[in-house]
Amino acid sequence: MLGGLRWSGDDERRLRTLTPFYPSPRSLLEAIEHAIECGADGLREGAAHLRSIGVGLRDLSAGCCSSAYGGTVWYCEAIDVARALSSTC
């Protein structure tokens, strides 16, 4: 994962190729953070790297899931509210 993140650099188009079922880099980061909370400590460096890139992490209403490569995006108002709350803390 870290190799892919390094390859993408700060190019959002490249980063999106790494996230086919996540509608935004923010959604990918949320999934990685959840995996870390569940014990996947090996993902910590990748999460830190993704946070440092910062590309696409501010989009609070990007949806919660998408079909492969974003043809369809599903939204959840509760997730949008939770994202907004977490960004103010």
Protein backbone atom coordinates (compact mmCIF):
# COMPACT_ATOMS: atom_id res chain seq x y z
CA MET A 1 0.00 0.00 0.00
CA LEU A 2 2.72 2.47 0.93
CA GLY A 3 4.43 1.95 -2.42
CA GLY A 4 1.23 2.87 -4.22
CA LEU A 5 0.76 5.97 -2.10
CA ARG A 6 4.32 7.06 -2.79
CA TRP A 7 3.79 6.44 -6.51
CA SER A 8 0.70 8.66 -6.50
CA GLY A 9 2.59 11.56 -4.93
CA ASP A 10 0.22 14.49 -4.69
CA ASP A 11 -1.50 13.70 -8.00
CA GLU A 12 -5.19 13.18 -7.21
CA ARG A 13 -5.77 11.31 -10.49
CA ARG A 14 -3.13 8.73 -9.59
CA LEU A 15 -4.42 8.48 -6.04
CA ARG A 16 -7.96 7.80 -7.34
CA THR A 17 -6.64 4.78 -9.28
CA LEU A 18 -5.71 3.26 -5.90
CA THR A 19 -9.22 3.71 -4.50
CA PRO A 20 -11.69 2.07 -6.90
CA PHE A 21 -14.42 1.35 -4.31
CA TYR A 22 -13.80 4.43 -2.20
CA PRO A 23 -15.32 7.61 -3.66
CA SER A 24 -12.51 9.77 -2.30
CA PRO A 25 -9.07 9.50 -0.71
CA ARG A 26 -10.79 10.55 2.54
CA SER A 27 -12.96 7.41 2.39
CA LEU A 28 -9.85 5.28 1.89
CA LEU A 29 -8.18 6.93 4.88
CA GLU A 30 -11.27 6.31 7.02
CA ALA A 31 -11.20 2.62 6.07
CA ILE A 32 -7.47 2.37 6.83
CA GLU A 33 -7.94 4.09 10.19
CA HIS A 34 -10.74 1.67 11.04
CA ALA A 35 -8.51 -1.28 10.12
CA ILE A 36 -5.79 0.13 12.40
CA GLU A 37 -8.32 0.44 15.24
CA CYS A 38 -9.10 -3.24 14.66
CA GLY A 39 -5.44 -4.19 15.00
CA ALA A 40 -3.88 -3.77 11.54
CA ASP A 41 -0.87 -1.89 12.90
CA GLY A 42 1.08 -2.48 9.71
CA LEU A 43 -1.09 0.15 8.01
CA ARG A 44 -0.04 3.01 10.31
CA GLU A 45 2.77 4.24 8.05
CA GLY A 46 0.47 4.24 5.03
CA ALA A 47 -2.20 6.19 6.92
CA ALA A 48 0.36 8.74 8.05
CA HIS A 49 1.64 9.10 4.50
CA LEU A 50 -1.89 9.56 3.12
CA ARG A 51 -2.58 12.23 5.76
CA SER A 52 0.65 14.02 4.80
CA ILE A 53 -0.35 14.11 1.13
CA GLY A 54 -3.63 15.77 2.08
CA VAL A 55 -5.10 15.37 -1.44
CA GLY A 56 -8.88 14.87 -1.35
CA LEU A 57 -9.07 14.59 2.43
CA ARG A 58 -11.20 17.69 2.96
CA ASP A 59 -14.18 16.54 0.88
CA LEU A 60 -16.82 15.94 3.56
CA SER A 61 -19.59 14.86 1.18
CA ALA A 62 -17.80 12.59 -1.28
CA GLY A 63 -20.05 9.63 -0.53
CA CYS A 64 -19.34 6.51 1.45
CA CYS A 65 -18.90 3.83 -1.22
CA SER A 66 -18.70 3.63 -4.99
CA SER A 67 -18.81 1.09 -7.73
CA ALA A 68 -15.51 0.24 -9.35
CA TYR A 69 -13.89 3.46 -10.54
CA GLY A 70 -16.75 5.69 -9.39
CA GLY A 71 -19.54 5.08 -11.89
CA THR A 72 -22.06 4.96 -9.04
CA VAL A 73 -21.58 6.61 -5.65
CA TRP A 74 -23.67 5.92 -2.57
CA TYR A 75 -24.24 8.68 -0.02
CA CYS A 76 -25.19 8.65 3.64
CA GLU A 77 -26.21 11.86 5.37
CA ALA A 78 -25.23 10.45 8.78
CA ILE A 79 -21.67 9.84 7.54
CA ASP A 80 -21.50 13.39 6.16
CA VAL A 81 -22.55 14.73 9.59
CA ALA A 82 -20.00 12.52 11.40
CA ARG A 83 -17.25 13.70 9.02
CA ALA A 84 -18.17 17.33 9.61
CA LEU A 85 -18.14 16.81 13.37
CA SER A 86 -14.80 15.02 13.33
CA SER A 87 -13.21 17.76 11.24
CA THR A 88 -14.10 20.38 13.86
CA CYS A 89 -12.57 18.44 16.78
